[in-house]
């Protein structure tokens, strides 16, 4: 004996998922298009301490040197050999820029001297070494 299903008394109380899936998919696309996917390469520089340092406001050009000896010019990785050439390019668009050298305290001194030489070679007269106060 076959049982018949009766639609009387039972109603479809389920939530239709197709419109919800469509809305979630559109939101996903929206957030993917409006998000910033630029990968910033920052590294931590452990600055040396200074008891008699003075605080200087924002500088124009920042050369960073990591503890492994990597050079960064305004947070952009750069080879040490190209540093002077890039500084010449940046200097053209600015009036008397100041160079700030941020070196990790474990970075070899000869790399700091190399950055200073590149700045002087590019004709930049103001070169500061960044430290942190004790």
C-alpha atoms as a PDB file:
ATOM      1  CA  UNK A   1       0.000   0.000   0.000  1.00  0.00           C
ATOM      2  CA  UNK A   2       1.425   3.316  -1.038  1.00  0.00           C
ATOM      3  CA  UNK A   3       1.210   6.338   1.144  1.00  0.00           C
ATOM      4  CA  UNK A   4       0.391   9.598  -0.436  1.00  0.00           C
ATOM      5  CA  UNK A   5       1.967  12.801   0.689  1.00  0.00           C
ATOM      6  CA  UNK A   6      -0.514  15.412   1.528  1.00  0.00           C
ATOM      7  CA  UNK A   7       0.312  19.091   1.222  1.00  0.00           C
ATOM      8  CA  UNK A   8      -2.441  19.895   3.631  1.00  0.00           C
ATOM      9  CA  UNK A   9      -1.218  20.930   7.039  1.00  0.00           C
ATOM     10  CA  UNK A  10       2.451  21.098   6.108  1.00  0.00           C
ATOM     11  CA  UNK A  11       3.905  24.169   4.610  1.00  0.00           C
ATOM     12  CA  UNK A  12       7.425  24.785   3.383  1.00  0.00           C
ATOM     13  CA  UNK A  13       8.908  26.760   6.249  1.00  0.00           C
ATOM     14  CA  UNK A  14      12.501  26.627   4.962  1.00  0.00           C
ATOM     15  CA  UNK A  15      14.409  29.801   4.130  1.00  0.00           C
ATOM     16  CA  UNK A  16      15.325  30.145   0.474  1.00  0.00           C
ATOM     17  CA  UNK A  17      19.139  30.073   0.351  1.00  0.00           C
ATOM     18  CA  UNK A  18      19.699  31.267  -3.200  1.00  0.00           C
ATOM     19  CA  UNK A  19      19.077  34.995  -2.512  1.00  0.00           C
ATOM     20  CA  UNK A  20      21.228  34.842   0.632  1.00  0.00           C
ATOM     21  CA  UNK A  21      24.092  33.212  -1.265  1.00  0.00           C
ATOM     22  CA  UNK A  22      23.796  35.882  -3.967  1.00  0.00           C
ATOM     23  CA  UNK A  23      23.998  38.699  -1.412  1.00  0.00           C
ATOM     24  CA  UNK A  24      26.982  37.134   0.380  1.00  0.00           C
ATOM     25  CA  UNK A  25      28.752  36.664  -2.945  1.00  0.00           C
ATOM     26  CA  UNK A  26      28.148  40.305  -3.925  1.00  0.00           C
ATOM     27  CA  UNK A  27      29.433  41.493  -0.545  1.00  0.00           C
ATOM     28  CA  UNK A  28      32.527  39.347  -0.976  1.00  0.00           C
ATOM     29  CA  UNK A  29      33.186  40.869  -4.402  1.00  0.00           C
ATOM     30  CA  UNK A  30      32.623  44.379  -3.035  1.00  0.00           C
ATOM     31  CA  UNK A  31      35.096  43.952  -0.176  1.00  0.00           C
ATOM     32  CA  UNK A  32      37.666  42.320  -2.430  1.00  0.00           C
ATOM     33  CA  UNK A  33      37.517  45.241  -4.848  1.00  0.00           C
ATOM     34  CA  UNK A  34      37.682  47.922  -2.179  1.00  0.00           C
ATOM     35  CA  UNK A  35      40.419  46.321  -0.061  1.00  0.00           C
ATOM     36  CA  UNK A  36      44.047  47.321  -0.299  1.00  0.00           C
ATOM     37  CA  UNK A  37      46.200  44.318  -1.218  1.00  0.00           C
ATOM     38  CA  UNK A  38      49.534  46.139  -1.354  1.00  0.00           C
ATOM     39  CA  UNK A  39      52.096  44.235   0.635  1.00  0.00           C
ATOM     40  CA  UNK A  40      54.228  46.629   2.631  1.00  0.00           C
ATOM     41  CA  UNK A  41      57.670  45.363   3.441  1.00  0.00           C
ATOM     42  CA  UNK A  42      58.494  46.748   6.830  1.00  0.00           C
ATOM     43  CA  UNK A  43      61.128  45.471   9.111  1.00  0.00           C
ATOM     44  CA  UNK A  44      61.908  46.244  12.677  1.00  0.00           C
ATOM     45  CA  UNK A  45      64.945  48.421  13.211  1.00  0.00           C
ATOM     46  CA  UNK A  46      66.378  48.305  16.702  1.00  0.00           C
ATOM     47  CA  UNK A  47      67.810  51.809  16.962  1.00  0.00           C
ATOM     48  CA  UNK A  48      70.811  52.500  19.170  1.00  0.00           C
ATOM     49  CA  UNK A  49      70.248  54.630  22.270  1.00  0.00           C
ATOM     50  CA  UNK A  50      71.554  58.158  22.802  1.00  0.00           C
ATOM     51  CA  UNK A  51      71.518  60.152  26.031  1.00  0.00           C
ATOM     52  CA  UNK A  52      71.949  63.552  24.373  1.00  0.00           C
ATOM     53  CA  UNK A  53      69.887  63.239  21.214  1.00  0.00           C
ATOM     54  CA  UNK A  54      67.470  65.898  20.016  1.00  0.00           C
ATOM     55  CA  UNK A  55      64.072  65.223  18.525  1.00  0.00           C
ATOM     56  CA  UNK A  56      63.770  66.182  14.856  1.00  0.00           C
ATOM     57  CA  UNK A  57      60.466  66.431  13.046  1.00  0.00           C
ATOM     58  CA  UNK A  58      59.666  64.668   9.777  1.00  0.00           C
ATOM     59  CA  UNK A  59      62.511  64.263   7.287  1.00  0.00           C
ATOM     60  CA  UNK A  60      62.418  64.178   3.519  1.00  0.00           C
ATOM     61  CA  UNK A  61      64.531  61.109   2.696  1.00  0.00           C
ATOM     62  CA  UNK A  62      64.887  58.029   4.919  1.00  0.00           C
ATOM     63  CA  UNK A  63      67.583  55.400   4.386  1.00  0.00           C
ATOM     64  CA  UNK A  64      67.026  52.303   6.540  1.00  0.00           C
ATOM     65  CA  UNK A  65      69.611  49.581   7.104  1.00  0.00           C
ATOM     66  CA  UNK A  66      68.523  46.256   8.568  1.00  0.00           C
ATOM     67  CA  UNK A  67      70.611  44.090  10.847  1.00  0.00           C
ATOM     68  CA  UNK A  68      71.221  41.747   7.900  1.00  0.00           C
ATOM     69  CA  UNK A  69      72.640  44.591   5.804  1.00  0.00           C
ATOM     70  CA  UNK A  70      69.620  45.258   3.569  1.00  0.00           C
ATOM     71  CA  UNK A  71      69.119  48.843   2.399  1.00  0.00           C
ATOM     72  CA  UNK A  72      65.725  50.554   2.113  1.00  0.00           C
ATOM     73  CA  UNK A  73      65.116  53.986   0.627  1.00  0.00           C
ATOM     74  CA  UNK A  74      61.844  55.499   1.871  1.00  0.00           C
ATOM     75  CA  UNK A  75      60.644  51.994   2.870  1.00  0.00           C
ATOM     76  CA  UNK A  76      61.477  50.598  -0.576  1.00  0.00           C
ATOM     77  CA  UNK A  77      64.168  47.889  -0.880  1.00  0.00           C
ATOM     78  CA  UNK A  78      67.205  49.022  -2.845  1.00  0.00           C
ATOM     79  CA  UNK A  79      70.652  47.700  -3.626  1.00  0.00           C
ATOM     80  CA  UNK A  80      73.515  49.555  -1.964  1.00  0.00           C
ATOM     81  CA  UNK A  81      75.175  50.214  -5.323  1.00  0.00           C
ATOM     82  CA  UNK A  82      72.108  52.073  -6.642  1.00  0.00           C
ATOM     83  CA  UNK A  83      71.643  54.223  -3.545  1.00  0.00           C
ATOM     84  CA  UNK A  84      73.583  57.279  -4.754  1.00  0.00           C
ATOM     85  CA  UNK A  85      71.845  57.257  -8.144  1.00  0.00           C
ATOM     86  CA  UNK A  86      68.386  57.065  -6.530  1.00  0.00           C
ATOM     87  CA  UNK A  87      69.277  59.857  -4.099  1.00  0.00           C
ATOM     88  CA  UNK A  88      70.245  62.031  -7.085  1.00  0.00           C
ATOM     89  CA  UNK A  89      66.824  61.373  -8.635  1.00  0.00           C
ATOM     90  CA  UNK A  90      64.967  62.240  -5.425  1.00  0.00           C
ATOM     91  CA  UNK A  91      67.093  65.344  -4.818  1.00  0.00           C
ATOM     92  CA  UNK A  92      66.069  66.883  -8.160  1.00  0.00           C
ATOM     93  CA  UNK A  93      62.479  67.366  -7.054  1.00  0.00           C
ATOM     94  CA  UNK A  94      63.189  68.844  -3.621  1.00  0.00           C
ATOM     95  CA  UNK A  95      64.810  71.920  -2.118  1.00  0.00           C
ATOM     96  CA  UNK A  96      67.664  71.112   0.281  1.00  0.00           C
ATOM     97  CA  UNK A  97      66.321  67.754   1.492  1.00  0.00           C
ATOM     98  CA  UNK A  98      67.530  66.173   4.707  1.00  0.00           C
ATOM     99  CA  UNK A  99      68.614  62.520   4.784  1.00  0.00           C
ATOM    100  CA  UNK A 100      67.745  60.468   7.863  1.00  0.00           C
ATOM    101  CA  UNK A 101      69.711  57.225   8.285  1.00  0.00           C
ATOM    102  CA  UNK A 102      67.895  54.652  10.418  1.00  0.00           C
ATOM    103  CA  UNK A 103      70.261  51.790  11.075  1.00  0.00           C
ATOM    104  CA  UNK A 104      69.721  48.708  13.168  1.00  0.00           C
ATOM    105  CA  UNK A 105      72.155  48.662  16.058  1.00  0.00           C
ATOM    106  CA  UNK A 106      73.461  45.290  14.851  1.00  0.00           C
ATOM    107  CA  UNK A 107      74.193  46.588  11.336  1.00  0.00           C
ATOM    108  CA  UNK A 108      77.887  46.795  10.479  1.00  0.00           C
ATOM    109  CA  UNK A 109      79.321  50.317  10.694  1.00  0.00           C
ATOM    110  CA  UNK A 110      80.730  50.161   7.169  1.00  0.00           C
ATOM    111  CA  UNK A 111      77.150  50.015   5.810  1.00  0.00           C
ATOM    112  CA  UNK A 112      76.255  53.214   7.676  1.00  0.00           C
ATOM    113  CA  UNK A 113      79.358  54.874   6.232  1.00  0.00           C
ATOM    114  CA  UNK A 114      78.358  53.616   2.780  1.00  0.00           C
ATOM    115  CA  UNK A 115      74.922  55.261   3.153  1.00  0.00           C
ATOM    116  CA  UNK A 116      76.527  58.506   4.339  1.00  0.00           C
ATOM    117  CA  UNK A 117      78.950  58.462   1.398  1.00  0.00           C
ATOM    118  CA  UNK A 118      76.063  57.905  -1.025  1.00  0.00           C
ATOM    119  CA  UNK A 119      74.231  60.905   0.433  1.00  0.00           C
ATOM    120  CA  UNK A 120      77.312  63.120   0.258  1.00  0.00           C
ATOM    121  CA  UNK A 121      78.055  61.861  -3.261  1.00  0.00           C
ATOM    122  CA  UNK A 122      74.543  62.887  -4.311  1.00  0.00           C
ATOM    123  CA  UNK A 123      75.223  66.392  -3.010  1.00  0.00           C
ATOM    124  CA  UNK A 124      72.996  66.145   0.054  1.00  0.00           C
ATOM    125  CA  UNK A 125      74.488  68.229   2.825  1.00  0.00           C
ATOM    126  CA  UNK A 126      72.234  67.424   5.804  1.00  0.00           C
ATOM    127  CA  UNK A 127      72.605  63.819   6.984  1.00  0.00           C
ATOM    128  CA  UNK A 128      71.180  62.704  10.335  1.00  0.00           C
ATOM    129  CA  UNK A 129      71.658  59.429  12.186  1.00  0.00           C
ATOM    130  CA  UNK A 130      68.503  58.351  14.008  1.00  0.00           C
ATOM    131  CA  UNK A 131      68.700  57.008  17.546  1.00  0.00           C
ATOM    132  CA  UNK A 132      66.191  56.504  20.320  1.00  0.00           C
ATOM    133  CA  UNK A 133      66.409  58.175  23.687  1.00  0.00           C
ATOM    134  CA  UNK A 134      67.198  56.155  26.805  1.00  0.00           C
END
